[in-house]
Amino acid sequence: MGAVRKLAPITLPTYDFDRLVAFGLAAYQRGDPDADFHLSKLERAVTLAAPPPLGGVVAVTCRVSYRLDDEPTVRARRLVYPSRVIASEEEISAASPLGVAMLGLRRGDRMPFRDNTTGREHVVEIADVGPTRCTDDAVPPRPFDRLLR
């Protein structure tokens, strides 16, 4: 498994950032072991007012192709909000360690993460970023603007 020397920059749409901060803070209050990684990733994020360009950065509802631990196999999943996960092989929660690791990355970026269930360290590499899918969710107000800064 190749080491990651410098963490890639993270860019997120403001509507994803706000929802994920709210989820991360609630998870932290519940004592979720993944909450620290989730919130530390969001602390490093730069937010965009507009949706990311097509194929630009990994955002919630986009389809992501990725490799784990330098394996030759490329996997593809749609990243979804934690409340929208339907036990499916096609989806991954944006609040899971893998989902958090992928958030805000671009094609070719690599990010280490720890799976607290197994205790193993992994590195995810983004192979491709597909378009986001429209949702019926209204864009929430910005109660967490600059909260983590």
N, C-alpha and C. Protein backbone atom coordinates (compact mmCIF):
# COMPACT_ATOMS: atom_id res chain seq x y z
N MET A 1 0.85 -1.17 0.00
CA MET A 1 0.00 0.00 0.00
C MET A 1 0.89 1.22 0.00
N GLY A 2 0.72 2.11 -0.98
CA GLY A 2 1.53 3.31 -1.10
C GLY A 2 1.17 4.33 -0.04
N ALA A 3 2.19 4.97 0.51
CA ALA A 3 1.98 5.98 1.54
C ALA A 3 1.46 7.27 0.92
N VAL A 4 0.74 8.03 1.71
CA VAL A 4 0.26 9.34 1.31
C VAL A 4 1.10 10.35 2.05
N ARG A 5 1.95 11.09 1.31
CA ARG A 5 2.86 12.03 1.94
C ARG A 5 2.19 13.32 2.38
N LYS A 6 1.32 13.83 1.54
CA LYS A 6 0.64 15.09 1.83
C LYS A 6 -0.84 14.90 1.55
N LEU A 7 -1.68 15.34 2.48
CA LEU A 7 -3.11 15.17 2.29
C LEU A 7 -3.61 16.09 1.18
N ALA A 8 -4.46 15.55 0.34
CA ALA A 8 -5.03 16.30 -0.79
C ALA A 8 -5.96 17.38 -0.27
N PRO A 9 -6.08 18.49 -1.02
CA PRO A 9 -7.04 19.52 -0.64
C PRO A 9 -8.47 18.99 -0.76
N ILE A 10 -9.37 19.55 0.03
CA ILE A 10 -10.76 19.11 0.05
C ILE A 10 -11.65 20.28 -0.33
N THR A 11 -12.53 20.06 -1.30
CA THR A 11 -13.47 21.08 -1.73
C THR A 11 -14.87 20.47 -1.69
N LEU A 12 -15.79 21.17 -1.03
CA LEU A 12 -17.17 20.67 -0.92
C LEU A 12 -18.16 21.78 -1.22
N PRO A 13 -19.29 21.43 -1.82
CA PRO A 13 -20.37 22.41 -1.95
C PRO A 13 -20.87 22.79 -0.55
N THR A 14 -21.28 24.03 -0.35
CA THR A 14 -21.70 24.47 0.98
C THR A 14 -22.87 23.64 1.51
N TYR A 15 -23.79 23.22 0.62
CA TYR A 15 -24.93 22.45 1.12
C TYR A 15 -24.48 21.09 1.65
N ASP A 16 -23.48 20.46 1.06
CA ASP A 16 -22.94 19.20 1.60
C ASP A 16 -22.22 19.48 2.92
N PHE A 17 -21.40 20.51 2.92
CA PHE A 17 -20.62 20.86 4.12
C PHE A 17 -21.55 21.04 5.32
N ASP A 18 -22.60 21.85 5.17
CA ASP A 18 -23.49 22.13 6.29
C ASP A 18 -24.18 20.88 6.81
N ARG A 19 -24.68 20.06 5.92
CA ARG A 19 -25.34 18.82 6.35
C ARG A 19 -24.36 17.88 7.04
N LEU A 20 -23.17 17.79 6.50
CA LEU A 20 -22.19 16.86 7.07
C LEU A 20 -21.64 17.36 8.41
N VAL A 21 -21.54 18.66 8.60
CA VAL A 21 -21.15 19.20 9.91
C VAL A 21 -22.22 18.85 10.93
N ALA A 22 -23.48 19.07 10.58
CA ALA A 22 -24.56 18.74 11.50
C ALA A 22 -24.53 17.26 11.87
N PHE A 23 -24.34 16.41 10.88
CA PHE A 23 -24.26 14.97 11.15
C PHE A 23 -23.05 14.66 12.03
N GLY A 24 -21.89 15.25 11.70
CA GLY A 24 -20.67 14.99 12.46
C GLY A 24 -20.77 15.42 13.91
N LEU A 25 -21.38 16.58 14.16
CA LEU A 25 -21.54 17.04 15.54
C LEU A 25 -22.48 16.13 16.32
N ALA A 26 -23.56 15.68 15.69
CA ALA A 26 -24.48 14.76 16.35
C ALA A 26 -23.78 13.43 16.64
N ALA A 27 -22.98 12.95 15.69
CA ALA A 27 -22.24 11.70 15.89
C ALA A 27 -21.23 11.84 17.03
N TYR A 28 -20.56 12.98 17.09
CA TYR A 28 -19.60 13.24 18.16
C TYR A 28 -20.30 13.21 19.52
N GLN A 29 -21.46 13.83 19.61
CA GLN A 29 -22.20 13.84 20.88
C GLN A 29 -22.67 12.44 21.28
N ARG A 30 -22.91 11.58 20.29
CA ARG A 30 -23.30 10.20 20.57
C ARG A 30 -22.11 9.32 20.94
N GLY A 31 -20.89 9.84 20.75
CA GLY A 31 -19.70 9.04 21.03
C GLY A 31 -19.28 8.15 19.88
N ASP A 32 -19.71 8.45 18.68
CA ASP A 32 -19.35 7.66 17.50
C ASP A 32 -17.84 7.73 17.29
N PRO A 33 -17.16 6.58 17.18
CA PRO A 33 -15.69 6.59 17.02
C PRO A 33 -15.22 7.18 15.69
N ASP A 34 -16.10 7.27 14.69
CA ASP A 34 -15.74 7.84 13.39
C ASP A 34 -15.92 9.36 13.34
N ALA A 35 -16.53 9.94 14.37
CA ALA A 35 -16.86 11.37 14.34
C ALA A 35 -15.62 12.26 14.29
N ASP A 36 -14.56 11.88 14.98
CA ASP A 36 -13.35 12.72 14.96
C ASP A 36 -12.77 12.83 13.56
N PHE A 37 -12.68 11.71 12.84
CA PHE A 37 -12.17 11.73 11.47
C PHE A 37 -13.09 12.57 10.60
N HIS A 38 -14.38 12.37 10.75
CA HIS A 38 -15.39 13.10 9.98
C HIS A 38 -15.21 14.62 10.17
N LEU A 39 -15.15 15.07 11.42
CA LEU A 39 -15.04 16.50 11.69
C LEU A 39 -13.67 17.06 11.32
N SER A 40 -12.60 16.27 11.49
CA SER A 40 -11.27 16.77 11.12
C SER A 40 -11.17 16.95 9.61
N LYS A 41 -11.83 16.10 8.85
CA LYS A 41 -11.83 16.25 7.39
C LYS A 41 -12.58 17.52 7.01
N LEU A 42 -13.71 17.78 7.64
CA LEU A 42 -14.49 18.98 7.34
C LEU A 42 -13.76 20.26 7.74
N GLU A 43 -12.93 20.18 8.78
CA GLU A 43 -12.14 21.35 9.19
C GLU A 43 -11.22 21.82 8.08
N ARG A 44 -10.74 20.90 7.27
CA ARG A 44 -9.80 21.22 6.19
C ARG A 44 -10.49 21.63 4.90
N ALA A 45 -11.82 21.52 4.86
CA ALA A 45 -12.55 21.74 3.61
C ALA A 45 -12.66 23.22 3.24
N VAL A 46 -12.59 23.46 1.94
CA VAL A 46 -12.92 24.74 1.35
C VAL A 46 -14.29 24.56 0.73
N THR A 47 -15.20 25.52 0.93
CA THR A 47 -16.55 25.35 0.42
C THR A 47 -16.79 26.15 -0.85
N LEU A 48 -17.67 25.62 -1.69
CA LEU A 48 -18.08 26.26 -2.94
C LEU A 48 -19.55 26.60 -2.85
N ALA A 49 -19.92 27.80 -3.27
CA ALA A 49 -21.34 28.18 -3.26
C ALA A 49 -22.12 27.46 -4.34
N ALA A 50 -21.48 27.21 -5.46
CA ALA A 50 -22.14 26.54 -6.60
C ALA A 50 -21.83 25.05 -6.57
N PRO A 51 -22.63 24.24 -7.25
CA PRO A 51 -22.31 22.81 -7.35
C PRO A 51 -20.95 22.63 -8.02
N PRO A 52 -20.23 21.58 -7.67
CA PRO A 52 -18.92 21.36 -8.29
C PRO A 52 -19.08 21.07 -9.77
N PRO A 53 -18.05 21.39 -10.56
CA PRO A 53 -18.13 21.09 -11.99
C PRO A 53 -18.23 19.59 -12.22
N LEU A 54 -18.87 19.23 -13.31
CA LEU A 54 -19.06 17.82 -13.66
C LEU A 54 -17.73 17.09 -13.66
N GLY A 55 -17.65 16.01 -12.91
CA GLY A 55 -16.43 15.23 -12.86
C GLY A 55 -15.32 15.91 -12.08
N GLY A 56 -15.67 16.95 -11.33
CA GLY A 56 -14.67 17.71 -10.59
C GLY A 56 -14.29 17.07 -9.28
N VAL A 57 -15.09 17.30 -8.25
CA VAL A 57 -14.77 16.79 -6.93
C VAL A 57 -15.85 15.83 -6.45
N VAL A 58 -15.47 14.95 -5.53
CA VAL A 58 -16.41 14.00 -4.95
C VAL A 58 -17.34 14.76 -4.02
N ALA A 59 -18.62 14.74 -4.34
CA ALA A 59 -19.66 15.37 -3.52
C ALA A 59 -20.73 14.33 -3.24
N VAL A 60 -21.55 14.61 -2.26
CA VAL A 60 -22.63 13.69 -1.94
C VAL A 60 -23.59 13.61 -3.13
N THR A 61 -24.04 12.45 -3.43
CA THR A 61 -24.93 12.02 -4.52
C THR A 61 -24.19 11.76 -5.83
N CYS A 62 -22.87 11.94 -5.87
CA CYS A 62 -22.17 11.61 -7.12
C CYS A 62 -21.72 10.14 -7.11
N ARG A 63 -21.48 9.63 -8.27
CA ARG A 63 -20.97 8.26 -8.41
C ARG A 63 -19.46 8.35 -8.46
N VAL A 64 -18.80 7.57 -7.61
CA VAL A 64 -17.35 7.61 -7.47
C VAL A 64 -16.75 6.26 -7.83
N SER A 65 -15.74 6.28 -8.68
CA SER A 65 -14.96 5.07 -8.97
C SER A 65 -13.66 5.21 -8.19
N TYR A 66 -13.27 4.14 -7.50
CA TYR A 66 -12.12 4.23 -6.60
C TYR A 66 -11.39 2.89 -6.48
N ARG A 67 -10.16 2.98 -6.00
CA ARG A 67 -9.36 1.79 -5.67
C ARG A 67 -9.02 1.85 -4.18
N LEU A 68 -8.97 0.69 -3.56
CA LEU A 68 -8.54 0.60 -2.17
C LEU A 68 -7.17 -0.06 -2.11
N ASP A 69 -6.29 0.53 -1.36
CA ASP A 69 -4.98 -0.07 -1.05
C ASP A 69 -4.22 -0.54 -2.29
N ASP A 70 -4.23 0.25 -3.35
CA ASP A 70 -3.49 -0.03 -4.58
C ASP A 70 -3.92 -1.33 -5.27
N GLU A 71 -5.12 -1.82 -4.98
CA GLU A 71 -5.62 -2.99 -5.67
C GLU A 71 -5.92 -2.63 -7.12
N PRO A 72 -5.81 -3.57 -8.05
CA PRO A 72 -6.11 -3.26 -9.45
C PRO A 72 -7.60 -3.07 -9.72
N THR A 73 -8.45 -3.63 -8.86
CA THR A 73 -9.90 -3.56 -9.06
C THR A 73 -10.42 -2.15 -8.78
N VAL A 74 -11.19 -1.61 -9.72
CA VAL A 74 -11.85 -0.33 -9.52
C VAL A 74 -13.29 -0.61 -9.13
N ARG A 75 -13.72 -0.01 -8.04
CA ARG A 75 -15.10 -0.16 -7.56
C ARG A 75 -15.83 1.15 -7.82
N ALA A 76 -17.13 1.08 -7.94
CA ALA A 76 -17.93 2.28 -8.16
C ALA A 76 -19.15 2.25 -7.24
N ARG A 77 -19.40 3.36 -6.56
CA ARG A 77 -20.54 3.49 -5.66
C ARG A 77 -21.06 4.93 -5.75
N ARG A 78 -22.31 5.11 -5.38
CA ARG A 78 -22.88 6.45 -5.25
C ARG A 78 -22.76 6.84 -3.78
N LEU A 79 -22.22 8.02 -3.53
CA LEU A 79 -22.09 8.55 -2.17
C LEU A 79 -23.41 9.18 -1.77
N VAL A 80 -23.97 8.79 -0.63
CA VAL A 80 -25.27 9.29 -0.22
C VAL A 80 -25.21 9.83 1.21
N TYR A 81 -26.15 10.73 1.53
CA TYR A 81 -26.26 11.23 2.90
C TYR A 81 -26.57 10.07 3.82
N PRO A 82 -26.08 10.12 5.07
CA PRO A 82 -26.30 9.00 6.00
C PRO A 82 -27.77 8.63 6.16
N SER A 83 -28.65 9.60 6.15
CA SER A 83 -30.08 9.32 6.33
C SER A 83 -30.72 8.72 5.09
N ARG A 84 -30.00 8.69 3.97
CA ARG A 84 -30.56 8.20 2.71
C ARG A 84 -30.02 6.84 2.30
N VAL A 85 -29.19 6.22 3.12
CA VAL A 85 -28.59 4.94 2.76
C VAL A 85 -29.66 3.86 2.75
N ILE A 86 -29.71 3.15 1.65
CA ILE A 86 -30.56 1.96 1.52
C ILE A 86 -29.57 0.82 1.38
N ALA A 87 -29.64 -0.15 2.26
CA ALA A 87 -28.66 -1.24 2.25
C ALA A 87 -28.48 -1.78 0.84
N SER A 88 -27.56 -1.19 0.13
CA SER A 88 -27.34 -1.53 -1.27
C SER A 88 -25.85 -1.56 -1.56
N GLU A 89 -25.47 -2.45 -2.45
CA GLU A 89 -24.07 -2.52 -2.89
C GLU A 89 -23.71 -1.32 -3.76
N GLU A 90 -24.71 -0.57 -4.19
CA GLU A 90 -24.48 0.57 -5.08
C GLU A 90 -24.22 1.87 -4.33
N GLU A 91 -24.45 1.89 -3.01
CA GLU A 91 -24.34 3.12 -2.24
C GLU A 91 -23.33 2.98 -1.11
N ILE A 92 -22.80 4.13 -0.72
CA ILE A 92 -21.95 4.19 0.46
C ILE A 92 -22.28 5.48 1.20
N SER A 93 -22.39 5.39 2.51
CA SER A 93 -22.72 6.56 3.32
C SER A 93 -21.57 7.55 3.32
N ALA A 94 -21.91 8.82 3.17
CA ALA A 94 -20.91 9.89 3.23
C ALA A 94 -20.35 10.04 4.64
N ALA A 95 -20.93 9.34 5.62
CA ALA A 95 -20.44 9.41 6.99
C ALA A 95 -19.63 8.18 7.38
N SER A 96 -19.53 7.19 6.50
CA SER A 96 -18.70 6.02 6.79
C SER A 96 -17.23 6.43 6.65
N PRO A 97 -16.30 5.71 7.25
CA PRO A 97 -14.88 6.10 7.09
C PRO A 97 -14.45 6.21 5.63
N LEU A 98 -14.88 5.27 4.78
CA LEU A 98 -14.53 5.34 3.36
C LEU A 98 -15.19 6.55 2.70
N GLY A 99 -16.47 6.77 2.99
CA GLY A 99 -17.19 7.90 2.42
C GLY A 99 -16.57 9.23 2.83
N VAL A 100 -16.22 9.36 4.09
CA VAL A 100 -15.57 10.60 4.57
C VAL A 100 -14.22 10.78 3.89
N ALA A 101 -13.47 9.70 3.75
CA ALA A 101 -12.16 9.80 3.11
C ALA A 101 -12.27 10.30 1.68
N MET A 102 -13.33 9.91 0.96
CA MET A 102 -13.48 10.30 -0.44
C MET A 102 -14.01 11.73 -0.62
N LEU A 103 -14.72 12.25 0.35
CA LEU A 103 -15.36 13.56 0.21
C LEU A 103 -14.37 14.65 -0.20
N GLY A 104 -14.75 15.41 -1.21
CA GLY A 104 -13.98 16.57 -1.62
C GLY A 104 -12.73 16.30 -2.42
N LEU A 105 -12.44 15.03 -2.73
CA LEU A 105 -11.24 14.70 -3.50
C LEU A 105 -11.51 14.80 -5.00
N ARG A 106 -10.43 14.85 -5.76
CA ARG A 106 -10.48 14.88 -7.22
C ARG A 106 -9.86 13.60 -7.77
N ARG A 107 -10.07 13.36 -9.06
CA ARG A 107 -9.49 12.20 -9.73
C ARG A 107 -7.98 12.17 -9.47
N GLY A 108 -7.47 11.01 -9.06
CA GLY A 108 -6.04 10.84 -8.80
C GLY A 108 -5.64 11.12 -7.36
N ASP A 109 -6.49 11.79 -6.58
CA ASP A 109 -6.16 12.06 -5.17
C ASP A 109 -6.22 10.78 -4.36
N ARG A 110 -5.40 10.74 -3.32
CA ARG A 110 -5.35 9.60 -2.40
C ARG A 110 -5.57 10.10 -0.99
N MET A 111 -6.25 9.29 -0.16
CA MET A 111 -6.52 9.68 1.22
C MET A 111 -6.49 8.45 2.12
N PRO A 112 -5.72 8.52 3.21
CA PRO A 112 -5.73 7.41 4.16
C PRO A 112 -6.97 7.49 5.06
N PHE A 113 -7.40 6.35 5.55
CA PHE A 113 -8.48 6.30 6.53
C PHE A 113 -8.38 5.00 7.31
N ARG A 114 -9.01 4.99 8.45
CA ARG A 114 -9.01 3.82 9.34
C ARG A 114 -10.43 3.29 9.43
N ASP A 115 -10.57 1.99 9.24
CA ASP A 115 -11.85 1.32 9.41
C ASP A 115 -11.92 0.90 10.88
N ASN A 116 -12.69 1.61 11.68
CA ASN A 116 -12.76 1.31 13.12
C ASN A 116 -13.41 -0.02 13.42
N THR A 117 -14.16 -0.57 12.48
CA THR A 117 -14.77 -1.88 12.68
C THR A 117 -13.71 -2.97 12.70
N THR A 118 -12.76 -2.89 11.76
CA THR A 118 -11.72 -3.91 11.66
C THR A 118 -10.40 -3.47 12.28
N GLY A 119 -10.25 -2.15 12.47
CA GLY A 119 -8.99 -1.62 13.00
C GLY A 119 -7.91 -1.47 11.93
N ARG A 120 -8.24 -1.72 10.67
CA ARG A 120 -7.25 -1.66 9.59
C ARG A 120 -7.14 -0.26 9.01
N GLU A 121 -5.93 0.08 8.60
CA GLU A 121 -5.66 1.32 7.88
C GLU A 121 -5.77 1.04 6.39
N HIS A 122 -6.35 1.97 5.64
CA HIS A 122 -6.51 1.84 4.21
C HIS A 122 -6.13 3.15 3.53
N VAL A 123 -5.94 3.08 2.22
CA VAL A 123 -5.78 4.27 1.40
C VAL A 123 -6.74 4.13 0.23
N VAL A 124 -7.54 5.17 0.00
CA VAL A 124 -8.45 5.18 -1.13
C VAL A 124 -7.87 6.13 -2.18
N GLU A 125 -7.96 5.72 -3.45
CA GLU A 125 -7.55 6.55 -4.58
C GLU A 125 -8.76 6.75 -5.48
N ILE A 126 -9.02 7.99 -5.85
CA ILE A 126 -10.16 8.30 -6.70
C ILE A 126 -9.77 8.05 -8.16
N ALA A 127 -10.51 7.16 -8.82
CA ALA A 127 -10.25 6.84 -10.23
C ALA A 127 -11.08 7.73 -11.15
N ASP A 128 -12.32 8.03 -10.75
CA ASP A 128 -13.18 8.88 -11.57
C ASP A 128 -14.32 9.41 -10.71
N VAL A 129 -14.86 10.56 -11.11
CA VAL A 129 -15.98 11.19 -10.40
C VAL A 129 -17.09 11.43 -11.40
N GLY A 130 -18.25 10.84 -11.13
CA GLY A 130 -19.39 11.02 -12.01
C GLY A 130 -20.25 12.20 -11.56
N PRO A 131 -21.30 12.48 -12.30
CA PRO A 131 -22.16 13.62 -11.96
C PRO A 131 -22.95 13.37 -10.69
N THR A 132 -23.32 14.46 -10.03
CA THR A 132 -24.19 14.34 -8.86
C THR A 132 -25.61 14.05 -9.35
N ARG A 133 -26.38 13.47 -8.49
CA ARG A 133 -27.77 13.15 -8.82
C ARG A 133 -28.65 14.17 -8.11
N CYS A 134 -29.65 14.67 -8.78
CA CYS A 134 -30.58 15.61 -8.15
C CYS A 134 -31.34 14.88 -7.06
N THR A 135 -31.60 15.61 -5.98
CA THR A 135 -32.41 15.04 -4.90
C THR A 135 -33.59 15.96 -4.67
N ASP A 136 -34.57 15.47 -3.96
CA ASP A 136 -35.74 16.29 -3.63
C ASP A 136 -35.50 17.13 -2.39
N ASP A 137 -34.35 16.98 -1.79
CA ASP A 137 -34.05 17.73 -0.57
C ASP A 137 -33.85 19.20 -0.87
N ALA A 138 -34.47 20.03 -0.08
CA ALA A 138 -34.23 21.46 -0.21
C ALA A 138 -32.84 21.78 0.33
N VAL A 139 -32.22 22.78 -0.24
CA VAL A 139 -30.91 23.20 0.26
C VAL A 139 -31.13 23.86 1.61
N PRO A 140 -30.49 23.36 2.66
CA PRO A 140 -30.74 23.91 4.00
C PRO A 140 -30.10 25.28 4.16
N PRO A 141 -30.55 26.05 5.16
CA PRO A 141 -29.90 27.32 5.45
C PRO A 141 -28.49 27.05 5.96
N ARG A 142 -27.68 28.08 6.10
CA ARG A 142 -26.28 27.91 6.45
C ARG A 142 -26.03 28.16 7.94
N PRO A 143 -26.52 27.32 8.83
CA PRO A 143 -26.31 27.57 10.26
C PRO A 143 -24.88 27.30 10.71
N PHE A 144 -24.10 26.57 9.92
CA PHE A 144 -22.76 26.19 10.35
C PHE A 144 -21.67 26.91 9.59
N ASP A 145 -22.01 28.00 8.93
CA ASP A 145 -21.04 28.76 8.16
C ASP A 145 -19.88 29.15 9.06
N ARG A 146 -18.71 28.70 8.68
CA ARG A 146 -17.46 29.02 9.39
C ARG A 146 -17.41 28.47 10.81
N LEU A 147 -18.28 27.51 11.13
CA LEU A 147 -18.31 26.95 12.47
C LEU A 147 -16.99 26.30 12.86
N LEU A 148 -16.40 25.58 11.94
CA LEU A 148 -15.19 24.84 12.27
C LEU A 148 -13.92 25.63 12.01
N ARG A 149 -14.01 26.84 11.58
CA ARG A 149 -12.82 27.61 11.23
C ARG A 149 -12.35 28.44 12.38
